[in-house]
Amino acid sequence: MNRLLTIEWLKLKHLSTLKVILMVYAILLPLIFYCLSLMPIYDQVYNHQIYQFPDVYHYVTYISSFFNLLIGVIIVVFTCNEIKYKTQRQNLIDGLSKKELILSKFYVVALLSIFITLYTFLIAVLFGFSNGSTDVFNGIRYIGFYQIATFGYFIFAFFLANLLKNPALSIVFYLLSTFLEGMTGLFAKDYSQFFPLSTFSTLIPMPVIPDGFEYAMTEMQRASLGLFYVFVFLYVSYYILTKRDV
């Protein structure tokens, strides 16, 4: 594992896209969350609860979830660059097996999603404590759900990059994927909540749900289905790599 991570780090540390997107995310997440308190309707709508546990976990993860598609671009660019510049082939020539090749990418995706989740958790805890709230474990389940959702989006990005191989095309399809899935859902409204990206997004539902709206599944059912889709995307990516002449 350490050897594979070392190889991947040598590639990633020079990727400017990684540095720029992570910096944008790190700055904008706490800034946007803080700016909610400056909204004219703050007192009427939020009632000062969003900066206290458990609501702070829900609101921070909900805001952070909007960055998942943006951060996933890192995975798309990284994977497509390896295909474009034959880095994967060179890794195989240097002695890596195809199993190790996909494991190394799995470790990168997993560690990136863990890093994003830990940062989101830290922001939530800092806001919670700074506003006099101390029940840190109340609502912490949203962090777990956010971890699954984040990992799901990143694995989907990895799958899409391996499927399409073209960097520009992969990024366009990845960024439009939620919209395309939503359009498909117009013709299958009863099943739209079971689609992969919809499942990931509903793991962190809107904090204020419109009257009359109900989710088709419970939180744990959505989490279980999300983990299933993670396995599917990972397995299909592995199948593509094993069958393709890299």
C-alpha atoms as a PDB file:
ATOM      1  CA  MET A   1       0.000   0.000   0.000  1.00  0.00           C
ATOM      2  CA  ASN A   2       2.751   2.454   0.943  1.00  0.00           C
ATOM      3  CA  ARG A   3       4.610   1.719  -2.293  1.00  0.00           C
ATOM      4  CA  LEU A   4       1.502   2.330  -4.394  1.00  0.00           C
ATOM      5  CA  LEU A   5       0.686   5.549  -2.564  1.00  0.00           C
ATOM      6  CA  THR A   6       4.249   6.777  -3.007  1.00  0.00           C
ATOM      7  CA  ILE A   7       4.016   6.192  -6.760  1.00  0.00           C
ATOM      8  CA  GLU A   8       0.698   8.040  -6.970  1.00  0.00           C
ATOM      9  CA  TRP A   9       1.968  10.948  -4.858  1.00  0.00           C
ATOM     10  CA  LEU A  10       4.927  11.473  -7.188  1.00  0.00           C
ATOM     11  CA  LYS A  11       2.396  12.007  -9.989  1.00  0.00           C
ATOM     12  CA  LEU A  12      -0.115  14.090  -8.037  1.00  0.00           C
ATOM     13  CA  LYS A  13       2.237  16.571  -6.387  1.00  0.00           C
ATOM     14  CA  HIS A  14       2.873  18.318  -9.699  1.00  0.00           C
ATOM     15  CA  LEU A  15      -0.817  18.477 -10.696  1.00  0.00           C
ATOM     16  CA  SER A  16      -1.769  22.155 -10.563  1.00  0.00           C
ATOM     17  CA  THR A  17      -5.485  21.314 -10.915  1.00  0.00           C
ATOM     18  CA  LEU A  18      -5.318  19.504  -7.570  1.00  0.00           C
ATOM     19  CA  LYS A  19      -3.826  22.489  -5.754  1.00  0.00           C
ATOM     20  CA  VAL A  20      -6.177  25.072  -7.277  1.00  0.00           C
ATOM     21  CA  ILE A  21      -9.434  23.150  -6.750  1.00  0.00           C
ATOM     22  CA  LEU A  22      -8.585  22.106  -3.188  1.00  0.00           C
ATOM     23  CA  MET A  23      -7.608  25.675  -2.323  1.00  0.00           C
ATOM     24  CA  VAL A  24     -10.876  27.020  -3.758  1.00  0.00           C
ATOM     25  CA  TYR A  25     -12.834  24.428  -1.789  1.00  0.00           C
ATOM     26  CA  ALA A  26     -10.950  25.051   1.467  1.00  0.00           C
ATOM     27  CA  ILE A  27     -11.584  28.806   1.295  1.00  0.00           C
ATOM     28  CA  LEU A  28     -15.148  28.852  -0.011  1.00  0.00           C
ATOM     29  CA  LEU A  29     -16.691  26.224   2.291  1.00  0.00           C
ATOM     30  CA  PRO A  30     -16.290  28.122   5.600  1.00  0.00           C
ATOM     31  CA  LEU A  31     -16.821  31.469   3.856  1.00  0.00           C
ATOM     32  CA  ILE A  32     -20.163  30.466   2.322  1.00  0.00           C
ATOM     33  CA  PHE A  33     -21.326  28.884   5.583  1.00  0.00           C
ATOM     34  CA  TYR A  34     -20.412  31.993   7.549  1.00  0.00           C
ATOM     35  CA  CYS A  35     -22.157  34.248   5.014  1.00  0.00           C
ATOM     36  CA  LEU A  36     -25.491  32.549   5.741  1.00  0.00           C
ATOM     37  CA  SER A  37     -25.626  34.575   8.952  1.00  0.00           C
ATOM     38  CA  LEU A  38     -25.424  37.796   6.915  1.00  0.00           C
ATOM     39  CA  MET A  39     -28.548  37.037   4.892  1.00  0.00           C
ATOM     40  CA  PRO A  40     -31.535  39.328   5.639  1.00  0.00           C
ATOM     41  CA  ILE A  41     -33.795  36.290   6.217  1.00  0.00           C
ATOM     42  CA  TYR A  42     -31.344  34.556   8.548  1.00  0.00           C
ATOM     43  CA  ASP A  43     -33.260  35.187  11.794  1.00  0.00           C
ATOM     44  CA  GLN A  44     -36.604  34.144  10.328  1.00  0.00           C
ATOM     45  CA  VAL A  45     -35.477  31.051   8.419  1.00  0.00           C
ATOM     46  CA  TYR A  46     -32.521  29.607  10.306  1.00  0.00           C
ATOM     47  CA  ASN A  47     -33.161  30.814  13.866  1.00  0.00           C
ATOM     48  CA  HIS A  48     -29.464  30.635  14.819  1.00  0.00           C
ATOM     49  CA  GLN A  49     -29.551  26.821  14.961  1.00  0.00           C
ATOM     50  CA  ILE A  50     -27.384  26.174  11.918  1.00  0.00           C
ATOM     51  CA  TYR A  51     -24.201  26.964  13.860  1.00  0.00           C
ATOM     52  CA  GLN A  52     -25.014  24.548  16.684  1.00  0.00           C
ATOM     53  CA  PHE A  53     -25.044  20.767  16.910  1.00  0.00           C
ATOM     54  CA  PRO A  54     -26.719  18.826  15.341  1.00  0.00           C
ATOM     55  CA  ASP A  55     -27.781  21.289  12.607  1.00  0.00           C
ATOM     56  CA  VAL A  56     -24.224  22.470  11.963  1.00  0.00           C
ATOM     57  CA  TYR A  57     -23.303  19.008  10.619  1.00  0.00           C
ATOM     58  CA  HIS A  58     -26.298  18.956   8.293  1.00  0.00           C
ATOM     59  CA  TYR A  59     -25.769  22.443   6.863  1.00  0.00           C
ATOM     60  CA  VAL A  60     -21.989  22.192   6.463  1.00  0.00           C
ATOM     61  CA  THR A  61     -22.149  18.806   4.720  1.00  0.00           C
ATOM     62  CA  TYR A  62     -24.997  20.034   2.515  1.00  0.00           C
ATOM     63  CA  ILE A  63     -22.991  23.072   1.391  1.00  0.00           C
ATOM     64  CA  SER A  64     -19.840  20.996   0.997  1.00  0.00           C
ATOM     65  CA  SER A  65     -21.687  18.437  -1.157  1.00  0.00           C
ATOM     66  CA  PHE A  66     -22.023  21.051  -3.913  1.00  0.00           C
ATOM     67  CA  PHE A  67     -18.229  20.948  -4.288  1.00  0.00           C
ATOM     68  CA  ASN A  68     -18.152  17.191  -4.919  1.00  0.00           C
ATOM     69  CA  LEU A  69     -18.518  17.553  -8.685  1.00  0.00           C
ATOM     70  CA  LEU A  70     -15.802  20.220  -8.751  1.00  0.00           C
ATOM     71  CA  ILE A  71     -13.357  18.174  -6.680  1.00  0.00           C
ATOM     72  CA  GLY A  72     -14.140  15.101  -8.750  1.00  0.00           C
ATOM     73  CA  VAL A  73     -12.639  16.925 -11.734  1.00  0.00           C
ATOM     74  CA  ILE A  74      -9.260  16.211 -10.085  1.00  0.00           C
ATOM     75  CA  ILE A  75      -9.909  12.476 -10.446  1.00  0.00           C
ATOM     76  CA  VAL A  76     -11.020  12.892 -14.067  1.00  0.00           C
ATOM     77  CA  VAL A  77      -7.973  14.965 -15.048  1.00  0.00           C
ATOM     78  CA  PHE A  78      -5.543  12.698 -13.216  1.00  0.00           C
ATOM     79  CA  THR A  79      -6.974   9.481 -14.689  1.00  0.00           C
ATOM     80  CA  CYS A  80      -7.285  10.817 -18.242  1.00  0.00           C
ATOM     81  CA  ASN A  81      -3.747  12.191 -18.143  1.00  0.00           C
ATOM     82  CA  GLU A  82      -2.456   8.752 -17.234  1.00  0.00           C
ATOM     83  CA  ILE A  83      -4.300   7.247 -20.176  1.00  0.00           C
ATOM     84  CA  LYS A  84      -3.282  10.024 -22.566  1.00  0.00           C
ATOM     85  CA  TYR A  85       0.416   9.972 -21.676  1.00  0.00           C
ATOM     86  CA  LYS A  86       0.598   6.157 -21.348  1.00  0.00           C
ATOM     87  CA  THR A  87       1.543   6.377 -17.667  1.00  0.00           C
ATOM     88  CA  GLN A  88      -0.523   3.291 -16.888  1.00  0.00           C
ATOM     89  CA  ARG A  89       1.362   1.317 -19.527  1.00  0.00           C
ATOM     90  CA  GLN A  90       4.667   2.480 -18.063  1.00  0.00           C
ATOM     91  CA  ASN A  91       3.539   1.382 -14.603  1.00  0.00           C
ATOM     92  CA  LEU A  92       2.788  -2.087 -15.974  1.00  0.00           C
ATOM     93  CA  ILE A  93       6.182  -2.214 -17.684  1.00  0.00           C
ATOM     94  CA  ASP A  94       7.802  -1.228 -14.380  1.00  0.00           C
ATOM     95  CA  GLY A  95       6.248  -4.216 -12.661  1.00  0.00           C
ATOM     96  CA  LEU A  96       2.783  -3.229 -11.396  1.00  0.00           C
ATOM     97  CA  SER A  97      -0.046  -5.658 -12.048  1.00  0.00           C
ATOM     98  CA  LYS A  98      -3.399  -4.433 -13.309  1.00  0.00           C
ATOM     99  CA  LYS A  99      -4.812  -5.242  -9.883  1.00  0.00           C
ATOM    100  CA  GLU A 100      -2.188  -3.009  -8.249  1.00  0.00           C
ATOM    101  CA  LEU A 101      -2.885  -0.344 -10.866  1.00  0.00           C
ATOM    102  CA  ILE A 102      -6.534  -0.028  -9.922  1.00  0.00           C
ATOM    103  CA  LEU A 103      -5.749  -0.461  -6.219  1.00  0.00           C
ATOM    104  CA  SER A 104      -3.426   2.526  -6.375  1.00  0.00           C
ATOM    105  CA  LYS A 105      -6.216   4.629  -7.872  1.00  0.00           C
ATOM    106  CA  PHE A 106      -8.651   3.302  -5.294  1.00  0.00           C
ATOM    107  CA  TYR A 107      -6.295   4.430  -2.526  1.00  0.00           C
ATOM    108  CA  VAL A 108      -6.033   7.906  -4.068  1.00  0.00           C
ATOM    109  CA  VAL A 109      -9.814   8.248  -4.372  1.00  0.00           C
ATOM    110  CA  ALA A 110     -10.350   6.917  -0.839  1.00  0.00           C
ATOM    111  CA  LEU A 111      -7.738   9.189   0.752  1.00  0.00           C
ATOM    112  CA  LEU A 112      -9.006  12.243  -1.126  1.00  0.00           C
ATOM    113  CA  SER A 113     -12.575  11.590   0.026  1.00  0.00           C
ATOM    114  CA  ILE A 114     -11.371  11.016   3.612  1.00  0.00           C
ATOM    115  CA  PHE A 115      -9.381  14.257   3.535  1.00  0.00           C
ATOM    116  CA  ILE A 116     -12.404  16.200   2.233  1.00  0.00           C
ATOM    117  CA  THR A 117     -14.661  14.621   4.857  1.00  0.00           C
ATOM    118  CA  LEU A 118     -12.252  15.346   7.720  1.00  0.00           C
ATOM    119  CA  TYR A 119     -11.931  18.976   6.630  1.00  0.00           C
ATOM    120  CA  THR A 120     -15.728  19.302   6.455  1.00  0.00           C
ATOM    121  CA  PHE A 121     -15.998  17.724   9.912  1.00  0.00           C
ATOM    122  CA  LEU A 122     -13.390  20.161  11.263  1.00  0.00           C
ATOM    123  CA  ILE A 123     -15.282  23.170   9.878  1.00  0.00           C
ATOM    124  CA  ALA A 124     -18.526  21.937  11.452  1.00  0.00           C
ATOM    125  CA  VAL A 125     -16.891  21.333  14.837  1.00  0.00           C
ATOM    126  CA  LEU A 126     -15.176  24.747  14.853  1.00  0.00           C
ATOM    127  CA  PHE A 127     -18.421  26.544  14.061  1.00  0.00           C
ATOM    128  CA  GLY A 128     -20.289  24.458  16.633  1.00  0.00           C
ATOM    129  CA  PHE A 129     -17.864  25.075  19.478  1.00  0.00           C
ATOM    130  CA  SER A 130     -17.408  28.760  18.625  1.00  0.00           C
ATOM    131  CA  ASN A 131     -21.165  29.249  19.000  1.00  0.00           C
ATOM    132  CA  GLY A 132     -21.371  27.663  22.433  1.00  0.00           C
ATOM    133  CA  SER A 133     -22.573  24.221  21.363  1.00  0.00           C
ATOM    134  CA  THR A 134     -20.844  21.223  22.962  1.00  0.00           C
ATOM    135  CA  ASP A 135     -22.895  18.133  22.019  1.00  0.00           C
ATOM    136  CA  VAL A 136     -20.395  17.175  19.331  1.00  0.00           C
ATOM    137  CA  PHE A 137     -21.793  13.672  18.701  1.00  0.00           C
ATOM    138  CA  ASN A 138     -25.331  14.886  18.078  1.00  0.00           C
ATOM    139  CA  GLY A 139     -25.941  14.706  14.329  1.00  0.00           C
ATOM    140  CA  ILE A 140     -22.501  13.288  13.521  1.00  0.00           C
ATOM    141  CA  ARG A 141     -24.166  10.655  11.315  1.00  0.00           C
ATOM    142  CA  TYR A 142     -24.227  13.289   8.552  1.00  0.00           C
ATOM    143  CA  ILE A 143     -20.439  13.089   8.408  1.00  0.00           C
ATOM    144  CA  GLY A 144     -20.672   9.356   7.740  1.00  0.00           C
ATOM    145  CA  PHE A 145     -23.297   9.870   5.046  1.00  0.00           C
ATOM    146  CA  TYR A 146     -21.191  12.633   3.529  1.00  0.00           C
ATOM    147  CA  GLN A 147     -18.190  10.293   3.383  1.00  0.00           C
ATOM    148  CA  ILE A 148     -20.199   7.760   1.360  1.00  0.00           C
ATOM    149  CA  ALA A 149     -21.550  10.457  -0.964  1.00  0.00           C
ATOM    150  CA  THR A 150     -18.119  11.981  -1.542  1.00  0.00           C
ATOM    151  CA  PHE A 151     -16.499   8.616  -2.192  1.00  0.00           C
ATOM    152  CA  GLY A 152     -19.363   7.765  -4.559  1.00  0.00           C
ATOM    153  CA  TYR A 153     -18.905  10.903  -6.655  1.00  0.00           C
ATOM    154  CA  PHE A 154     -15.149  10.358  -6.860  1.00  0.00           C
ATOM    155  CA  ILE A 155     -15.453   6.688  -7.840  1.00  0.00           C
ATOM    156  CA  PHE A 156     -17.990   7.723 -10.490  1.00  0.00           C
ATOM    157  CA  ALA A 157     -15.470  10.254 -11.813  1.00  0.00           C
ATOM    158  CA  PHE A 158     -12.818   7.519 -11.979  1.00  0.00           C
ATOM    159  CA  PHE A 159     -15.226   5.191 -13.793  1.00  0.00           C
ATOM    160  CA  LEU A 160     -16.228   7.852 -16.319  1.00  0.00           C
ATOM    161  CA  ALA A 161     -12.615   8.817 -17.061  1.00  0.00           C
ATOM    162  CA  ASN A 162     -11.699   5.179 -17.733  1.00  0.00           C
ATOM    163  CA  LEU A 163     -14.760   4.682 -19.892  1.00  0.00           C
ATOM    164  CA  LEU A 164     -14.365   7.776 -22.105  1.00  0.00           C
ATOM    165  CA  LYS A 165     -10.566   8.278 -21.870  1.00  0.00           C
ATOM    166  CA  ASN A 166     -10.767  11.740 -23.427  1.00  0.00           C
ATOM    167  CA  PRO A 167     -10.086  14.477 -20.779  1.00  0.00           C
ATOM    168  CA  ALA A 168     -12.361  17.194 -22.223  1.00  0.00           C
ATOM    169  CA  LEU A 169     -15.204  14.799 -22.996  1.00  0.00           C
ATOM    170  CA  SER A 170     -14.940  13.141 -19.586  1.00  0.00           C
ATOM    171  CA  ILE A 171     -15.045  16.476 -17.740  1.00  0.00           C
ATOM    172  CA  VAL A 172     -18.073  17.668 -19.752  1.00  0.00           C
ATOM    173  CA  PHE A 173     -19.994  14.451 -19.113  1.00  0.00           C
ATOM    174  CA  TYR A 174     -18.966  14.426 -15.468  1.00  0.00           C
ATOM    175  CA  LEU A 175     -20.091  18.000 -14.826  1.00  0.00           C
ATOM    176  CA  LEU A 176     -23.329  17.443 -16.756  1.00  0.00           C
ATOM    177  CA  SER A 177     -24.011  14.020 -15.242  1.00  0.00           C
ATOM    178  CA  THR A 178     -26.358  15.294 -12.525  1.00  0.00           C
ATOM    179  CA  PHE A 179     -28.323  17.317 -15.093  1.00  0.00           C
ATOM    180  CA  LEU A 180     -28.525  14.374 -17.507  1.00  0.00           C
ATOM    181  CA  GLU A 181     -29.684  12.079 -14.742  1.00  0.00           C
ATOM    182  CA  GLY A 182     -32.273  14.658 -13.736  1.00  0.00           C
ATOM    183  CA  MET A 183     -33.576  14.863 -17.298  1.00  0.00           C
ATOM    184  CA  THR A 184     -33.869  11.077 -17.389  1.00  0.00           C
ATOM    185  CA  GLY A 185     -35.742  11.250 -14.115  1.00  0.00           C
ATOM    186  CA  LEU A 186     -38.470  13.335 -15.777  1.00  0.00           C
ATOM    187  CA  PHE A 187     -39.509  10.200 -17.639  1.00  0.00           C
ATOM    188  CA  ALA A 188     -39.121   7.908 -14.645  1.00  0.00           C
ATOM    189  CA  LYS A 189     -40.218   9.997 -11.675  1.00  0.00           C
ATOM    190  CA  ASP A 190     -41.050   6.986  -9.508  1.00  0.00           C
ATOM    191  CA  TYR A 191     -37.498   5.673  -9.855  1.00  0.00           C
ATOM    192  CA  SER A 192     -35.394   8.849 -10.053  1.00  0.00           C
ATOM    193  CA  GLN A 193     -34.408   8.728  -6.361  1.00  0.00           C
ATOM    194  CA  PHE A 194     -32.842   5.308  -6.995  1.00  0.00           C
ATOM    195  CA  PHE A 195     -30.449   6.608  -9.686  1.00  0.00           C
ATOM    196  CA  PRO A 196     -26.758   6.586  -8.654  1.00  0.00           C
ATOM    197  CA  LEU A 197     -26.058  10.319  -8.427  1.00  0.00           C
ATOM    198  CA  SER A 198     -29.478  11.013  -6.943  1.00  0.00           C
ATOM    199  CA  THR A 199     -28.728   8.430  -4.284  1.00  0.00           C
ATOM    200  CA  PHE A 200     -25.416  10.108  -3.454  1.00  0.00           C
ATOM    201  CA  SER A 201     -26.976  13.574  -3.338  1.00  0.00           C
ATOM    202  CA  THR A 202     -29.925  12.542  -1.150  1.00  0.00           C
ATOM    203  CA  LEU A 203     -27.561  11.107   1.455  1.00  0.00           C
ATOM    204  CA  ILE A 204     -27.284  14.753   2.521  1.00  0.00           C
ATOM    205  CA  PRO A 205     -30.831  16.021   1.900  1.00  0.00           C
ATOM    206  CA  MET A 206     -31.909  19.637   1.884  1.00  0.00           C
ATOM    207  CA  PRO A 207     -31.978  20.853   5.500  1.00  0.00           C
ATOM    208  CA  VAL A 208     -35.370  22.477   4.866  1.00  0.00           C
ATOM    209  CA  ILE A 209     -37.505  19.957   2.963  1.00  0.00           C
ATOM    210  CA  PRO A 210     -40.524  21.381   1.088  1.00  0.00           C
ATOM    211  CA  ASP A 211     -43.945  20.494   2.488  1.00  0.00           C
ATOM    212  CA  GLY A 212     -45.377  17.308   1.057  1.00  0.00           C
ATOM    213  CA  PHE A 213     -42.025  15.969  -0.173  1.00  0.00           C
ATOM    214  CA  GLU A 214     -40.979  12.516   0.991  1.00  0.00           C
ATOM    215  CA  TYR A 215     -37.937  10.380   0.249  1.00  0.00           C
ATOM    216  CA  ALA A 216     -38.607   6.892  -1.062  1.00  0.00           C
ATOM    217  CA  MET A 217     -35.994   5.372   1.258  1.00  0.00           C
ATOM    218  CA  THR A 218     -34.797   5.813   4.819  1.00  0.00           C
ATOM    219  CA  GLU A 219     -31.341   7.225   5.573  1.00  0.00           C
ATOM    220  CA  MET A 220     -29.831   3.776   6.069  1.00  0.00           C
ATOM    221  CA  GLN A 221     -31.428   2.440   2.899  1.00  0.00           C
ATOM    222  CA  ARG A 222     -29.977   5.356   0.906  1.00  0.00           C
ATOM    223  CA  ALA A 223     -26.568   4.734   2.506  1.00  0.00           C
ATOM    224  CA  SER A 224     -26.726   1.022   1.642  1.00  0.00           C
ATOM    225  CA  LEU A 225     -27.713   1.756  -1.963  1.00  0.00           C
ATOM    226  CA  GLY A 226     -24.932   4.356  -2.179  1.00  0.00           C
ATOM    227  CA  LEU A 227     -22.365   1.770  -1.067  1.00  0.00           C
ATOM    228  CA  PHE A 228     -23.760  -0.647  -3.647  1.00  0.00           C
ATOM    229  CA  TYR A 229     -23.236   1.903  -6.437  1.00  0.00           C
ATOM    230  CA  VAL A 230     -19.697   2.551  -5.190  1.00  0.00           C
ATOM    231  CA  PHE A 231     -18.978  -1.177  -5.549  1.00  0.00           C
ATOM    232  CA  VAL A 232     -20.557  -1.264  -9.033  1.00  0.00           C
ATOM    233  CA  PHE A 233     -18.523   1.675 -10.351  1.00  0.00           C
ATOM    234  CA  LEU A 234     -15.346   0.246  -8.844  1.00  0.00           C
ATOM    235  CA  TYR A 235     -15.964  -3.212 -10.284  1.00  0.00           C
ATOM    236  CA  VAL A 236     -16.792  -1.886 -13.776  1.00  0.00           C
ATOM    237  CA  SER A 237     -13.658   0.288 -13.698  1.00  0.00           C
ATOM    238  CA  TYR A 238     -11.594  -2.762 -12.779  1.00  0.00           C
ATOM    239  CA  TYR A 239     -13.243  -4.747 -15.585  1.00  0.00           C
ATOM    240  CA  ILE A 240     -12.468  -2.008 -18.134  1.00  0.00           C
ATOM    241  CA  LEU A 241      -8.807  -1.870 -17.076  1.00  0.00           C
ATOM    242  CA  THR A 242      -8.362  -5.642 -17.152  1.00  0.00           C
ATOM    243  CA  LYS A 243      -9.885  -5.961 -20.613  1.00  0.00           C
ATOM    244  CA  ARG A 244      -8.283  -2.914 -22.191  1.00  0.00           C
ATOM    245  CA  ASP A 245      -4.803  -2.882 -23.672  1.00  0.00           C
ATOM    246  CA  VAL A 246      -3.330   0.056 -21.727  1.00  0.00           C
END
